[in-house]
């Protein structure tokens, strides 16, 4: 049995999808010690979406769990860099 659980970020990591994503992230956190964010379809990301991921990452670390990214898109990487969150998000 794997010690990982995955969460797909979908195509938009933005304020319109933040509430639903927050629920999925919280559910994943309760399941396994390693959460993998599948980010290969993210076309756009805004401040709210990236702040949600940053807060989630902090909670993961607080619980001594692990977070990793699977195939982050250029759009996600560029958005995180422009907001100064690239390193904080572990990208």
N, C-alpha and C. Protein backbone atom coordinates (compact mmCIF):
# COMPACT_ATOMS: atom_id res chain seq x y z
N UNK A 1 0.84 -1.18 0.00
CA UNK A 1 0.00 0.00 0.00
C UNK A 1 0.88 1.25 0.00
N UNK A 2 0.56 2.19 -0.81
CA UNK A 2 1.35 3.41 -0.95
C UNK A 2 1.10 4.37 0.22
N UNK A 3 2.14 5.11 0.56
CA UNK A 3 2.00 6.11 1.61
C UNK A 3 1.71 7.49 1.03
N UNK A 4 1.33 7.51 -0.25
CA UNK A 4 1.07 8.78 -0.94
C UNK A 4 -0.41 8.90 -1.29
N UNK A 5 -0.86 10.15 -1.30
CA UNK A 5 -2.17 10.45 -1.86
C UNK A 5 -1.98 11.62 -2.82
N UNK A 6 -2.79 11.67 -3.84
CA UNK A 6 -2.64 12.71 -4.85
C UNK A 6 -3.85 13.65 -4.85
N UNK A 7 -3.56 14.89 -5.24
CA UNK A 7 -4.61 15.90 -5.40
C UNK A 7 -4.36 16.59 -6.73
N UNK A 8 -5.32 16.51 -7.62
CA UNK A 8 -5.21 17.21 -8.89
C UNK A 8 -5.62 18.67 -8.69
N UNK A 9 -4.79 19.58 -9.17
CA UNK A 9 -5.09 21.00 -9.05
C UNK A 9 -5.96 21.50 -10.19
N UNK A 10 -6.22 20.66 -11.18
CA UNK A 10 -7.08 21.06 -12.29
C UNK A 10 -6.41 22.08 -13.20
N UNK A 11 -7.23 22.85 -13.92
CA UNK A 11 -6.68 23.81 -14.87
C UNK A 11 -6.54 25.21 -14.29
N UNK A 12 -7.29 25.49 -13.22
CA UNK A 12 -7.27 26.83 -12.65
C UNK A 12 -7.04 26.78 -11.14
N UNK A 13 -5.94 27.35 -10.74
CA UNK A 13 -5.61 27.47 -9.33
C UNK A 13 -5.89 28.92 -8.95
N UNK A 14 -7.19 29.21 -8.78
CA UNK A 14 -7.60 30.60 -8.58
C UNK A 14 -8.70 30.71 -7.53
N UNK A 15 -9.11 31.93 -7.28
CA UNK A 15 -10.08 32.20 -6.22
C UNK A 15 -11.42 31.49 -6.47
N UNK A 16 -11.79 31.33 -7.72
CA UNK A 16 -13.07 30.68 -8.04
C UNK A 16 -13.09 29.21 -7.64
N UNK A 17 -11.93 28.59 -7.57
CA UNK A 17 -11.84 27.17 -7.26
C UNK A 17 -11.23 26.90 -5.88
N UNK A 18 -10.91 27.95 -5.14
CA UNK A 18 -10.20 27.81 -3.87
C UNK A 18 -10.98 27.01 -2.83
N UNK A 19 -12.27 27.25 -2.68
CA UNK A 19 -13.05 26.56 -1.64
C UNK A 19 -13.08 25.05 -1.88
N UNK A 20 -13.34 24.65 -3.10
CA UNK A 20 -13.36 23.22 -3.41
C UNK A 20 -12.00 22.57 -3.26
N UNK A 21 -10.98 23.29 -3.68
CA UNK A 21 -9.62 22.77 -3.55
C UNK A 21 -9.24 22.64 -2.09
N UNK A 22 -9.62 23.61 -1.28
CA UNK A 22 -9.30 23.55 0.15
C UNK A 22 -9.87 22.28 0.78
N UNK A 23 -11.09 21.93 0.44
CA UNK A 23 -11.71 20.71 0.96
C UNK A 23 -10.94 19.47 0.53
N UNK A 24 -10.54 19.42 -0.73
CA UNK A 24 -9.78 18.26 -1.23
C UNK A 24 -8.41 18.16 -0.57
N UNK A 25 -7.77 19.31 -0.34
CA UNK A 25 -6.47 19.32 0.32
C UNK A 25 -6.59 18.83 1.76
N UNK A 26 -7.60 19.30 2.47
CA UNK A 26 -7.80 18.88 3.86
C UNK A 26 -8.08 17.38 3.94
N UNK A 27 -8.85 16.88 3.01
CA UNK A 27 -9.13 15.45 2.96
C UNK A 27 -7.85 14.65 2.72
N UNK A 28 -7.02 15.12 1.80
CA UNK A 28 -5.76 14.43 1.50
C UNK A 28 -4.83 14.44 2.70
N UNK A 29 -4.82 15.53 3.43
CA UNK A 29 -3.94 15.65 4.60
C UNK A 29 -4.29 14.62 5.67
N UNK A 30 -5.56 14.27 5.75
CA UNK A 30 -6.00 13.29 6.76
C UNK A 30 -5.70 11.85 6.35
N UNK A 31 -5.34 11.63 5.08
CA UNK A 31 -5.20 10.27 4.58
C UNK A 31 -3.80 9.68 4.69
N UNK A 32 -2.83 10.35 4.14
CA UNK A 32 -1.49 9.76 3.99
C UNK A 32 -0.41 10.76 4.41
N UNK A 33 0.80 10.26 4.70
CA UNK A 33 1.88 11.16 5.12
C UNK A 33 2.57 11.91 3.98
N UNK A 34 2.26 11.57 2.74
CA UNK A 34 2.89 12.23 1.60
C UNK A 34 1.79 12.62 0.60
N UNK A 35 1.68 13.92 0.36
CA UNK A 35 0.68 14.44 -0.58
C UNK A 35 1.39 14.90 -1.84
N UNK A 36 0.91 14.46 -2.99
CA UNK A 36 1.47 14.84 -4.27
C UNK A 36 0.45 15.73 -4.98
N UNK A 37 0.88 16.94 -5.31
CA UNK A 37 0.01 17.87 -6.04
C UNK A 37 0.23 17.68 -7.53
N UNK A 38 -0.78 17.18 -8.21
CA UNK A 38 -0.69 16.96 -9.66
C UNK A 38 -1.04 18.28 -10.33
N UNK A 39 -0.04 18.86 -10.96
CA UNK A 39 -0.20 20.22 -11.47
C UNK A 39 0.12 20.34 -12.96
N UNK A 40 -0.05 19.26 -13.68
CA UNK A 40 0.30 19.24 -15.09
C UNK A 40 -0.74 19.90 -16.01
N UNK A 41 -1.89 20.30 -15.45
CA UNK A 41 -2.93 20.93 -16.27
C UNK A 41 -3.20 22.39 -15.89
N UNK A 42 -2.47 22.90 -14.90
CA UNK A 42 -2.72 24.26 -14.43
C UNK A 42 -2.39 25.26 -15.53
N UNK A 43 -3.42 25.98 -15.98
CA UNK A 43 -3.25 27.00 -17.01
C UNK A 43 -3.10 28.39 -16.42
N UNK A 44 -3.74 28.60 -15.26
CA UNK A 44 -3.64 29.91 -14.62
C UNK A 44 -3.68 29.74 -13.11
N UNK A 45 -3.01 30.66 -12.45
CA UNK A 45 -2.98 30.65 -10.99
C UNK A 45 -2.97 32.11 -10.52
N UNK A 46 -3.75 32.39 -9.48
CA UNK A 46 -3.76 33.75 -8.95
C UNK A 46 -3.28 33.75 -7.51
N UNK A 47 -3.27 34.92 -6.92
CA UNK A 47 -2.76 35.08 -5.56
C UNK A 47 -3.51 34.20 -4.57
N UNK A 48 -4.83 34.17 -4.65
CA UNK A 48 -5.62 33.38 -3.71
C UNK A 48 -5.29 31.89 -3.81
N UNK A 49 -5.18 31.39 -5.02
CA UNK A 49 -4.86 29.98 -5.21
C UNK A 49 -3.49 29.62 -4.68
N UNK A 50 -2.52 30.46 -4.96
CA UNK A 50 -1.16 30.18 -4.51
C UNK A 50 -1.03 30.37 -3.00
N UNK A 51 -1.76 31.32 -2.43
CA UNK A 51 -1.75 31.48 -0.98
C UNK A 51 -2.35 30.25 -0.30
N UNK A 52 -3.38 29.70 -0.88
CA UNK A 52 -3.99 28.49 -0.34
C UNK A 52 -2.97 27.35 -0.32
N UNK A 53 -2.24 27.18 -1.40
CA UNK A 53 -1.22 26.12 -1.46
C UNK A 53 -0.12 26.40 -0.45
N UNK A 54 0.27 27.66 -0.29
CA UNK A 54 1.31 27.99 0.68
C UNK A 54 0.86 27.67 2.11
N UNK A 55 -0.37 28.05 2.44
CA UNK A 55 -0.90 27.74 3.78
C UNK A 55 -0.99 26.22 3.98
N UNK A 56 -1.38 25.52 2.94
CA UNK A 56 -1.46 24.06 3.01
C UNK A 56 -0.07 23.46 3.24
N UNK A 57 0.91 23.96 2.52
CA UNK A 57 2.29 23.47 2.68
C UNK A 57 2.76 23.67 4.11
N UNK A 58 2.44 24.81 4.70
CA UNK A 58 2.82 25.06 6.09
C UNK A 58 2.16 24.04 7.02
N UNK A 59 0.90 23.73 6.78
CA UNK A 59 0.19 22.75 7.61
C UNK A 59 0.79 21.35 7.43
N UNK A 60 1.15 21.01 6.22
CA UNK A 60 1.79 19.72 5.95
C UNK A 60 3.08 19.61 6.78
N UNK A 61 3.89 20.65 6.74
CA UNK A 61 5.15 20.64 7.48
C UNK A 61 4.90 20.59 8.99
N UNK A 62 3.89 21.31 9.45
CA UNK A 62 3.56 21.31 10.87
C UNK A 62 3.21 19.90 11.36
N UNK A 63 2.58 19.13 10.50
CA UNK A 63 2.19 17.77 10.84
C UNK A 63 3.27 16.73 10.49
N UNK A 64 4.46 17.22 10.15
CA UNK A 64 5.59 16.35 9.80
C UNK A 64 5.27 15.41 8.65
N UNK A 65 4.54 15.94 7.68
CA UNK A 65 4.23 15.18 6.48
C UNK A 65 5.01 15.77 5.32
N UNK A 66 4.84 15.20 4.16
CA UNK A 66 5.62 15.61 2.99
C UNK A 66 4.70 16.06 1.86
N UNK A 67 5.16 17.09 1.14
CA UNK A 67 4.42 17.60 -0.01
C UNK A 67 5.36 17.62 -1.21
N UNK A 68 4.87 17.16 -2.34
CA UNK A 68 5.66 17.24 -3.56
C UNK A 68 4.76 17.60 -4.74
N UNK A 69 5.40 18.03 -5.80
CA UNK A 69 4.71 18.47 -7.01
C UNK A 69 4.94 17.45 -8.12
N UNK A 70 3.92 17.24 -8.93
CA UNK A 70 4.06 16.39 -10.11
C UNK A 70 3.82 17.24 -11.34
N UNK A 71 4.85 17.44 -12.12
CA UNK A 71 4.80 18.12 -13.41
C UNK A 71 4.17 19.52 -13.36
N UNK A 72 4.72 20.44 -12.56
CA UNK A 72 4.15 21.80 -12.57
C UNK A 72 4.32 22.45 -13.95
N UNK A 73 3.28 23.13 -14.38
CA UNK A 73 3.30 23.78 -15.69
C UNK A 73 4.11 25.07 -15.64
N UNK A 74 4.49 25.54 -16.82
CA UNK A 74 5.20 26.82 -16.90
C UNK A 74 4.34 27.96 -16.36
N UNK A 75 3.03 27.91 -16.62
CA UNK A 75 2.13 28.95 -16.12
C UNK A 75 2.12 29.02 -14.60
N UNK A 76 2.11 27.86 -13.96
CA UNK A 76 2.15 27.80 -12.51
C UNK A 76 3.49 28.31 -11.98
N UNK A 77 4.55 27.90 -12.59
CA UNK A 77 5.88 28.33 -12.16
C UNK A 77 6.04 29.84 -12.32
N UNK A 78 5.63 30.36 -13.46
CA UNK A 78 5.76 31.80 -13.69
C UNK A 78 4.89 32.62 -12.73
N UNK A 79 3.67 32.16 -12.47
CA UNK A 79 2.79 32.87 -11.53
C UNK A 79 3.41 32.88 -10.14
N UNK A 80 3.96 31.74 -9.72
CA UNK A 80 4.56 31.67 -8.38
C UNK A 80 5.80 32.56 -8.29
N UNK A 81 6.56 32.65 -9.37
CA UNK A 81 7.74 33.52 -9.37
C UNK A 81 7.33 34.98 -9.31
N UNK A 82 6.32 35.35 -10.08
CA UNK A 82 5.90 36.76 -10.12
C UNK A 82 5.34 37.22 -8.78
N UNK A 83 4.81 36.29 -7.98
CA UNK A 83 4.27 36.63 -6.66
C UNK A 83 5.29 36.41 -5.54
N UNK A 84 6.49 35.97 -5.90
CA UNK A 84 7.53 35.75 -4.91
C UNK A 84 7.31 34.51 -4.06
N UNK A 85 6.55 33.54 -4.58
CA UNK A 85 6.23 32.35 -3.81
C UNK A 85 6.91 31.07 -4.33
N UNK A 86 7.67 31.20 -5.38
CA UNK A 86 8.27 30.03 -6.02
C UNK A 86 9.02 29.15 -5.02
N UNK A 87 9.96 29.72 -4.31
CA UNK A 87 10.76 28.95 -3.35
C UNK A 87 9.92 28.51 -2.15
N UNK A 88 9.03 29.38 -1.70
CA UNK A 88 8.19 29.05 -0.54
C UNK A 88 7.27 27.87 -0.82
N UNK A 89 6.89 27.70 -2.07
CA UNK A 89 6.00 26.59 -2.44
C UNK A 89 6.77 25.31 -2.73
N UNK A 90 8.07 25.40 -2.77
CA UNK A 90 8.86 24.21 -3.05
C UNK A 90 8.87 23.82 -4.50
N UNK A 91 8.62 24.78 -5.37
CA UNK A 91 8.64 24.51 -6.80
C UNK A 91 10.08 24.59 -7.28
